[in-house]
């Protein structure tokens, strides 16, 4: 069982320094490696645009994001590669 929680219509102002008001259609936080298979399954089942972010504040959302924003909060793990079929982290 996974604890992947995908939220709907989430405010994104807390993710950028300028606190611009914008929303994501979907949003999730990845805090454990065990969530990654469930995330990949969710992405296959929901063909929406996706945006992978770290805990950086240098993002400026100018408008609402029509897909899912995925905030990686894993320590010591970073995105190696991404295709339509897989996400590789190390």
Protein backbone atom coordinates (compact mmCIF):
# COMPACT_ATOMS: atom_id res chain seq x y z
CA UNK A 1 0.00 0.00 0.00
CA UNK A 2 1.21 3.50 -0.80
CA UNK A 3 0.58 6.78 0.88
CA UNK A 4 0.64 8.80 -2.35
CA UNK A 5 -1.86 11.61 -1.92
CA UNK A 6 -2.86 13.60 -4.97
CA UNK A 7 -4.65 16.82 -4.12
CA UNK A 8 -6.96 18.76 -6.45
CA UNK A 9 -6.93 22.50 -7.21
CA UNK A 10 -3.98 23.40 -4.97
CA UNK A 11 -2.66 26.93 -4.46
CA UNK A 12 0.99 27.29 -5.53
CA UNK A 13 1.87 30.66 -3.97
CA UNK A 14 3.87 28.93 -1.22
CA UNK A 15 6.23 27.45 -3.82
CA UNK A 16 7.70 30.70 -5.09
CA UNK A 17 9.44 33.70 -3.59
CA UNK A 18 7.02 36.20 -5.12
CA UNK A 19 3.95 34.39 -3.77
CA UNK A 20 2.12 34.75 -7.08
CA UNK A 21 -1.39 33.38 -6.94
CA UNK A 22 -1.63 30.33 -9.18
CA UNK A 23 -3.18 26.89 -8.86
CA UNK A 24 -2.29 23.39 -9.98
CA UNK A 25 -5.05 21.11 -11.18
CA UNK A 26 -3.28 18.33 -9.22
CA UNK A 27 -0.45 18.35 -6.69
CA UNK A 28 1.52 15.75 -4.76
CA UNK A 29 4.61 15.59 -2.58
CA UNK A 30 7.06 12.71 -2.82
CA UNK A 31 8.71 12.11 0.53
CA UNK A 32 9.61 8.41 0.24
CA UNK A 33 11.05 6.26 -2.53
CA UNK A 34 8.21 3.78 -1.96
CA UNK A 35 5.79 6.35 -3.43
CA UNK A 36 7.48 6.36 -6.85
CA UNK A 37 5.75 3.26 -8.32
CA UNK A 38 2.35 4.68 -7.34
CA UNK A 39 3.29 8.02 -8.87
CA UNK A 40 4.29 6.33 -12.14
CA UNK A 41 0.99 4.43 -12.17
CA UNK A 42 -0.97 7.64 -11.51
CA UNK A 43 0.83 9.37 -14.38
CA UNK A 44 -0.03 6.50 -16.74
CA UNK A 45 -3.69 6.63 -15.71
CA UNK A 46 -3.95 10.43 -15.91
CA UNK A 47 -2.43 11.78 -19.14
CA UNK A 48 -1.96 15.37 -17.96
CA UNK A 49 1.08 17.65 -18.16
CA UNK A 50 3.43 17.21 -15.22
CA UNK A 51 6.02 19.43 -13.62
CA UNK A 52 8.72 18.01 -11.33
CA UNK A 53 10.12 20.48 -8.83
CA UNK A 54 12.45 20.37 -5.86
CA UNK A 55 12.14 22.54 -2.81
CA UNK A 56 13.37 25.57 -4.71
CA UNK A 57 11.79 28.97 -4.44
CA UNK A 58 13.08 30.17 -7.81
CA UNK A 59 9.93 29.15 -9.64
CA UNK A 60 7.53 31.80 -10.86
CA UNK A 61 4.07 30.61 -11.88
CA UNK A 62 2.49 33.17 -14.21
CA UNK A 63 -0.77 31.24 -14.54
CA UNK A 64 -2.55 28.14 -13.32
CA UNK A 65 -0.87 24.82 -14.20
CA UNK A 66 -3.28 22.48 -16.04
CA UNK A 67 -1.63 19.24 -14.89
CA UNK A 68 0.12 17.85 -11.83
CA UNK A 69 2.92 19.56 -9.93
CA UNK A 70 5.12 16.96 -8.22
CA UNK A 71 7.27 18.31 -5.41
CA UNK A 72 10.21 16.01 -4.63
CA UNK A 73 11.16 16.18 -0.96
CA UNK A 74 13.52 13.21 -1.00
CA UNK A 75 16.89 13.84 0.58
CA UNK A 76 19.86 12.85 -1.56
CA UNK A 77 17.83 11.72 -4.56
CA UNK A 78 17.66 13.60 -7.83
CA UNK A 79 16.05 13.17 -11.22
CA UNK A 80 18.38 11.42 -13.69
CA UNK A 81 16.11 11.03 -16.72
CA UNK A 82 12.47 11.23 -17.72
CA UNK A 83 10.60 9.95 -20.75
CA UNK A 84 6.95 9.25 -21.52
CA UNK A 85 7.50 5.71 -20.20
CA UNK A 86 9.60 6.15 -17.08
CA UNK A 87 11.20 8.42 -14.52
CA UNK A 88 14.76 7.56 -13.39
CA UNK A 89 15.99 8.84 -10.05
CA UNK A 90 19.26 8.24 -8.24
